[in-house]
Amino acid sequence: MNYRNIYSRYSKKHPYHIVQVSPWPFFIGVGVFCLTSGFVFYVHEYVYAFIVLLLGLFILSTIICYWCRNVVREATFEGNYIFEVRKRFRIGMIILSSYFLYRMFRIFFKFFFNFNS
């Protein structure tokens, strides 16, 4: 008996891609934990603190690269992202980059023109 056909009529139809379970958020948490605990140990001058700090940076940079690789693979090779999702990605990147530029100009004016903001 094929359960997929029985329950497919009860599922909600929508144009968005539902992602599968990913291990990357757990590993990001491990990397952030190593990074913050390494920094705290480094401030308190423990012996292997700098190694733990570098391990956290390595884990974070590696996982971010792998996570971005999976997003690109889902978008290009698997074709999971439709036009609506890609449009939302673009809007999100525009908002993020405009906020980043706003912060950079604010820092520029604050330090070079000594404005209080």
N, C-alpha and C. Protein backbone atom coordinates (compact mmCIF):
# COMPACT_ATOMS: atom_id res chain seq x y z
N MET A 1 0.84 -1.17 0.00
CA MET A 1 0.00 0.00 0.00
C MET A 1 0.89 1.24 0.00
N ASN A 2 0.58 2.19 -0.85
CA ASN A 2 1.38 3.39 -0.99
C ASN A 2 0.75 4.50 -0.15
N TYR A 3 1.39 4.81 0.99
CA TYR A 3 0.85 5.82 1.90
C TYR A 3 1.02 7.22 1.35
N ARG A 4 1.96 7.42 0.47
CA ARG A 4 2.17 8.75 -0.08
C ARG A 4 0.95 9.22 -0.85
N ASN A 5 0.34 8.36 -1.61
CA ASN A 5 -0.82 8.75 -2.39
C ASN A 5 -2.06 8.96 -1.51
N ILE A 6 -2.16 8.20 -0.42
CA ILE A 6 -3.32 8.33 0.46
C ILE A 6 -3.30 9.68 1.18
N TYR A 7 -2.15 10.05 1.74
CA TYR A 7 -2.07 11.26 2.54
C TYR A 7 -1.73 12.51 1.74
N SER A 8 -1.42 12.38 0.50
CA SER A 8 -1.06 13.55 -0.30
C SER A 8 -2.25 14.46 -0.54
N ARG A 9 -3.46 13.90 -0.56
CA ARG A 9 -4.62 14.76 -0.79
C ARG A 9 -4.96 15.61 0.43
N TYR A 10 -4.48 15.23 1.62
CA TYR A 10 -4.73 15.99 2.82
C TYR A 10 -3.68 17.05 3.09
N SER A 11 -2.59 16.98 2.39
CA SER A 11 -1.53 17.96 2.63
C SER A 11 -1.87 19.28 1.94
N LYS A 12 -1.39 20.35 2.53
CA LYS A 12 -1.66 21.68 2.00
C LYS A 12 -0.75 21.95 0.81
N LYS A 13 -1.32 22.44 -0.25
CA LYS A 13 -0.55 22.78 -1.45
C LYS A 13 -0.14 24.24 -1.38
N HIS A 14 1.15 24.49 -1.50
CA HIS A 14 1.66 25.85 -1.48
C HIS A 14 2.87 25.91 -2.40
N PRO A 15 3.25 27.10 -2.83
CA PRO A 15 4.34 27.22 -3.80
C PRO A 15 5.73 27.19 -3.20
N TYR A 16 5.85 27.02 -1.89
CA TYR A 16 7.16 27.11 -1.25
C TYR A 16 7.78 25.74 -1.06
N HIS A 17 9.08 25.72 -1.00
CA HIS A 17 9.83 24.49 -0.80
C HIS A 17 10.01 24.25 0.69
N ILE A 18 9.60 23.09 1.17
CA ILE A 18 9.79 22.73 2.57
C ILE A 18 11.13 22.01 2.66
N VAL A 19 12.04 22.56 3.43
CA VAL A 19 13.38 21.98 3.51
C VAL A 19 13.38 20.73 4.38
N GLN A 20 14.35 19.88 4.11
CA GLN A 20 14.49 18.66 4.90
C GLN A 20 15.30 18.97 6.16
N VAL A 21 15.32 18.01 7.06
CA VAL A 21 16.06 18.18 8.30
C VAL A 21 17.55 18.30 7.97
N SER A 22 18.19 19.29 8.58
CA SER A 22 19.59 19.57 8.29
C SER A 22 20.41 19.49 9.57
N PRO A 23 21.62 18.94 9.50
CA PRO A 23 22.46 18.90 10.70
C PRO A 23 23.22 20.20 10.95
N TRP A 24 23.19 21.14 10.01
CA TRP A 24 24.04 22.32 10.11
C TRP A 24 23.70 23.22 11.29
N PRO A 25 22.44 23.44 11.67
CA PRO A 25 22.20 24.29 12.85
C PRO A 25 22.81 23.74 14.13
N PHE A 26 22.80 22.43 14.30
CA PHE A 26 23.43 21.84 15.48
C PHE A 26 24.93 22.12 15.49
N PHE A 27 25.58 21.93 14.34
CA PHE A 27 27.02 22.16 14.27
C PHE A 27 27.37 23.65 14.40
N ILE A 28 26.49 24.53 13.94
CA ILE A 28 26.69 25.96 14.17
C ILE A 28 26.66 26.25 15.67
N GLY A 29 25.74 25.60 16.38
CA GLY A 29 25.69 25.77 17.83
C GLY A 29 26.95 25.28 18.51
N VAL A 30 27.50 24.15 18.03
CA VAL A 30 28.75 23.64 18.59
C VAL A 30 29.89 24.62 18.31
N GLY A 31 29.93 25.18 17.11
CA GLY A 31 30.97 26.14 16.76
C GLY A 31 30.88 27.41 17.57
N VAL A 32 29.66 27.91 17.77
CA VAL A 32 29.48 29.13 18.57
C VAL A 32 29.86 28.86 20.02
N PHE A 33 29.50 27.67 20.52
CA PHE A 33 29.89 27.32 21.89
C PHE A 33 31.41 27.27 22.04
N CYS A 34 32.09 26.64 21.07
CA CYS A 34 33.56 26.59 21.13
C CYS A 34 34.16 27.99 21.03
N LEU A 35 33.59 28.82 20.17
CA LEU A 35 34.11 30.17 19.99
C LEU A 35 33.94 31.01 21.26
N THR A 36 32.76 30.99 21.84
CA THR A 36 32.54 31.82 23.03
C THR A 36 33.28 31.28 24.25
N SER A 37 33.29 29.96 24.42
CA SER A 37 34.02 29.43 25.57
C SER A 37 35.53 29.62 25.38
N GLY A 38 36.01 29.50 24.15
CA GLY A 38 37.42 29.78 23.89
C GLY A 38 37.78 31.22 24.17
N PHE A 39 36.88 32.15 23.82
CA PHE A 39 37.14 33.56 24.10
C PHE A 39 37.16 33.83 25.61
N VAL A 40 36.20 33.24 26.33
CA VAL A 40 36.16 33.44 27.78
C VAL A 40 37.40 32.84 28.43
N PHE A 41 37.80 31.66 27.98
CA PHE A 41 39.02 31.05 28.54
C PHE A 41 40.26 31.85 28.18
N TYR A 42 40.27 32.44 26.99
CA TYR A 42 41.40 33.26 26.56
C TYR A 42 41.52 34.52 27.41
N VAL A 43 40.38 35.12 27.73
CA VAL A 43 40.39 36.31 28.57
C VAL A 43 40.91 35.98 29.97
N HIS A 44 40.58 34.78 30.44
CA HIS A 44 41.04 34.36 31.77
C HIS A 44 42.39 33.64 31.73
N GLU A 45 43.03 33.67 30.58
CA GLU A 45 44.39 33.19 30.37
C GLU A 45 44.58 31.71 30.68
N TYR A 46 43.67 30.88 30.17
CA TYR A 46 43.87 29.44 30.28
C TYR A 46 44.85 28.98 29.22
N VAL A 47 45.40 27.78 29.39
CA VAL A 47 46.50 27.32 28.55
C VAL A 47 46.06 27.06 27.11
N TYR A 48 45.02 26.26 26.91
CA TYR A 48 44.60 25.87 25.57
C TYR A 48 43.43 26.69 25.05
N ALA A 49 43.24 27.86 25.57
CA ALA A 49 42.09 28.67 25.20
C ALA A 49 42.16 29.13 23.75
N PHE A 50 43.34 29.49 23.29
CA PHE A 50 43.45 29.98 21.92
C PHE A 50 43.17 28.86 20.91
N ILE A 51 43.52 27.64 21.27
CA ILE A 51 43.23 26.50 20.39
C ILE A 51 41.72 26.27 20.29
N VAL A 52 41.03 26.38 21.41
CA VAL A 52 39.57 26.23 21.41
C VAL A 52 38.93 27.36 20.61
N LEU A 53 39.45 28.56 20.74
CA LEU A 53 38.95 29.70 19.98
C LEU A 53 39.13 29.49 18.48
N LEU A 54 40.31 29.04 18.09
CA LEU A 54 40.54 28.76 16.67
C LEU A 54 39.70 27.59 16.17
N LEU A 55 39.48 26.60 17.02
CA LEU A 55 38.61 25.48 16.65
C LEU A 55 37.19 25.97 16.39
N GLY A 56 36.70 26.86 17.24
CA GLY A 56 35.37 27.43 17.02
C GLY A 56 35.28 28.22 15.74
N LEU A 57 36.30 29.02 15.43
CA LEU A 57 36.31 29.76 14.16
C LEU A 57 36.36 28.82 12.96
N PHE A 58 37.16 27.77 13.08
CA PHE A 58 37.26 26.79 11.99
C PHE A 58 35.93 26.07 11.78
N ILE A 59 35.29 25.66 12.86
CA ILE A 59 34.00 24.98 12.74
C ILE A 59 32.96 25.90 12.11
N LEU A 60 32.90 27.14 12.57
CA LEU A 60 31.92 28.08 12.02
C LEU A 60 32.15 28.35 10.54
N SER A 61 33.39 28.61 10.15
CA SER A 61 33.65 28.91 8.74
C SER A 61 33.40 27.69 7.86
N THR A 62 33.74 26.51 8.33
CA THR A 62 33.50 25.30 7.55
C THR A 62 32.02 25.02 7.39
N ILE A 63 31.26 25.14 8.46
CA ILE A 63 29.83 24.85 8.40
C ILE A 63 29.10 25.88 7.55
N ILE A 64 29.51 27.12 7.62
CA ILE A 64 28.87 28.13 6.78
C ILE A 64 29.11 27.83 5.30
N CYS A 65 30.31 27.40 4.97
CA CYS A 65 30.60 27.02 3.57
C CYS A 65 29.76 25.83 3.14
N TYR A 66 29.66 24.80 3.99
CA TYR A 66 28.86 23.62 3.63
C TYR A 66 27.37 23.95 3.55
N TRP A 67 26.90 24.80 4.43
CA TRP A 67 25.49 25.16 4.42
C TRP A 67 25.15 25.95 3.14
N CYS A 68 26.02 26.88 2.78
CA CYS A 68 25.81 27.63 1.54
C CYS A 68 25.90 26.71 0.32
N ARG A 69 26.78 25.72 0.38
CA ARG A 69 26.88 24.74 -0.71
C ARG A 69 25.57 23.97 -0.86
N ASN A 70 24.94 23.60 0.26
CA ASN A 70 23.67 22.89 0.19
C ASN A 70 22.56 23.77 -0.36
N VAL A 71 22.56 25.04 0.00
CA VAL A 71 21.53 25.95 -0.53
C VAL A 71 21.69 26.11 -2.03
N VAL A 72 22.92 26.25 -2.50
CA VAL A 72 23.17 26.37 -3.94
C VAL A 72 22.79 25.09 -4.65
N ARG A 73 23.10 23.96 -4.06
CA ARG A 73 22.75 22.67 -4.67
C ARG A 73 21.23 22.52 -4.77
N GLU A 74 20.51 22.89 -3.71
CA GLU A 74 19.05 22.80 -3.76
C GLU A 74 18.48 23.74 -4.81
N ALA A 75 19.10 24.88 -4.98
CA ALA A 75 18.56 25.86 -5.93
C ALA A 75 18.86 25.50 -7.37
N THR A 76 20.07 25.03 -7.65
CA THR A 76 20.46 24.83 -9.04
C THR A 76 20.23 23.41 -9.54
N PHE A 77 20.78 22.44 -8.84
CA PHE A 77 20.73 21.08 -9.35
C PHE A 77 19.41 20.38 -9.06
N GLU A 78 18.85 20.60 -7.89
CA GLU A 78 17.59 19.96 -7.54
C GLU A 78 16.38 20.77 -8.00
N GLY A 79 16.55 22.06 -8.20
CA GLY A 79 15.47 22.90 -8.70
C GLY A 79 14.34 23.08 -7.70
N ASN A 80 14.65 23.12 -6.42
CA ASN A 80 13.60 23.23 -5.40
C ASN A 80 13.05 24.63 -5.23
N TYR A 81 13.81 25.65 -5.57
CA TYR A 81 13.36 27.01 -5.33
C TYR A 81 12.66 27.55 -6.57
N ILE A 82 11.42 27.93 -6.39
CA ILE A 82 10.67 28.51 -7.49
C ILE A 82 10.92 30.01 -7.53
N PHE A 83 10.25 30.68 -8.44
CA PHE A 83 10.47 32.11 -8.63
C PHE A 83 10.14 32.89 -7.37
N GLU A 84 9.06 32.53 -6.67
CA GLU A 84 8.66 33.26 -5.47
C GLU A 84 9.74 33.19 -4.39
N VAL A 85 10.33 32.04 -4.19
CA VAL A 85 11.37 31.89 -3.18
C VAL A 85 12.62 32.66 -3.57
N ARG A 86 13.00 32.59 -4.84
CA ARG A 86 14.17 33.35 -5.29
C ARG A 86 13.95 34.84 -5.16
N LYS A 87 12.71 35.29 -5.40
CA LYS A 87 12.39 36.71 -5.23
C LYS A 87 12.53 37.11 -3.77
N ARG A 88 12.11 36.26 -2.84
CA ARG A 88 12.25 36.56 -1.42
C ARG A 88 13.72 36.58 -1.01
N PHE A 89 14.53 35.69 -1.58
CA PHE A 89 15.97 35.73 -1.32
C PHE A 89 16.56 37.07 -1.75
N ARG A 90 16.18 37.53 -2.93
CA ARG A 90 16.70 38.81 -3.42
C ARG A 90 16.27 39.97 -2.53
N ILE A 91 15.01 39.97 -2.13
CA ILE A 91 14.52 41.03 -1.25
C ILE A 91 15.27 41.01 0.08
N GLY A 92 15.50 39.82 0.62
CA GLY A 92 16.24 39.70 1.87
C GLY A 92 17.66 40.20 1.74
N MET A 93 18.32 39.90 0.62
CA MET A 93 19.69 40.37 0.42
C MET A 93 19.72 41.89 0.23
N ILE A 94 18.72 42.45 -0.41
CA ILE A 94 18.66 43.91 -0.58
C ILE A 94 18.48 44.58 0.78
N ILE A 95 17.60 44.05 1.60
CA ILE A 95 17.39 44.62 2.94
C ILE A 95 18.66 44.48 3.78
N LEU A 96 19.29 43.32 3.72
CA LEU A 96 20.50 43.10 4.51
C LEU A 96 21.64 44.01 4.06
N SER A 97 21.83 44.14 2.75
CA SER A 97 22.92 44.99 2.27
C SER A 97 22.64 46.47 2.53
N SER A 98 21.37 46.89 2.43
CA SER A 98 21.08 48.29 2.72
C SER A 98 21.28 48.60 4.20
N TYR A 99 20.94 47.66 5.07
CA TYR A 99 21.19 47.86 6.50
C TYR A 99 22.69 47.91 6.77
N PHE A 100 23.45 47.05 6.12
CA PHE A 100 24.91 47.05 6.29
C PHE A 100 25.50 48.38 5.83
N LEU A 101 25.06 48.89 4.69
CA LEU A 101 25.56 50.18 4.20
C LEU A 101 25.17 51.32 5.14
N TYR A 102 23.95 51.26 5.67
CA TYR A 102 23.51 52.28 6.63
C TYR A 102 24.42 52.28 7.84
N ARG A 103 24.75 51.10 8.37
CA ARG A 103 25.62 51.02 9.54
C ARG A 103 27.02 51.52 9.22
N MET A 104 27.53 51.22 8.03
CA MET A 104 28.87 51.67 7.67
C MET A 104 28.93 53.19 7.54
N PHE A 105 27.91 53.78 6.91
CA PHE A 105 27.89 55.24 6.81
C PHE A 105 27.73 55.88 8.18
N ARG A 106 26.95 55.28 9.05
CA ARG A 106 26.79 55.81 10.39
C ARG A 106 28.11 55.78 11.16
N ILE A 107 28.83 54.70 11.06
CA ILE A 107 30.13 54.60 11.73
C ILE A 107 31.11 55.61 11.13
N PHE A 108 31.07 55.76 9.80
CA PHE A 108 31.95 56.72 9.14
C PHE A 108 31.71 58.13 9.66
N PHE A 109 30.44 58.57 9.68
CA PHE A 109 30.14 59.91 10.14
C PHE A 109 30.40 60.08 11.63
N LYS A 110 30.21 59.05 12.39
CA LYS A 110 30.43 59.16 13.83
C LYS A 110 31.91 59.35 14.14
N PHE A 111 32.78 58.60 13.48
CA PHE A 111 34.20 58.69 13.80
C PHE A 111 34.90 59.86 13.13
N PHE A 112 34.51 60.17 11.92
CA PHE A 112 35.25 61.20 11.19
C PHE A 112 34.68 62.60 11.37
N PHE A 113 33.41 62.71 11.70
CA PHE A 113 32.84 64.02 11.92
C PHE A 113 32.39 64.23 13.36
N ASN A 114 32.62 63.23 14.20
CA ASN A 114 32.37 63.31 15.63
C ASN A 114 30.92 63.68 15.94
N PHE A 115 30.00 63.04 15.21
CA PHE A 115 28.59 63.22 15.49
C PHE A 115 28.16 62.23 16.55
N ASN A 116 27.30 62.66 17.41
CA ASN A 116 26.74 61.75 18.42
C ASN A 116 25.44 61.19 17.89
N SER A 117 25.41 59.86 17.77
CA SER A 117 24.16 59.25 17.29
C SER A 117 23.85 58.01 18.06
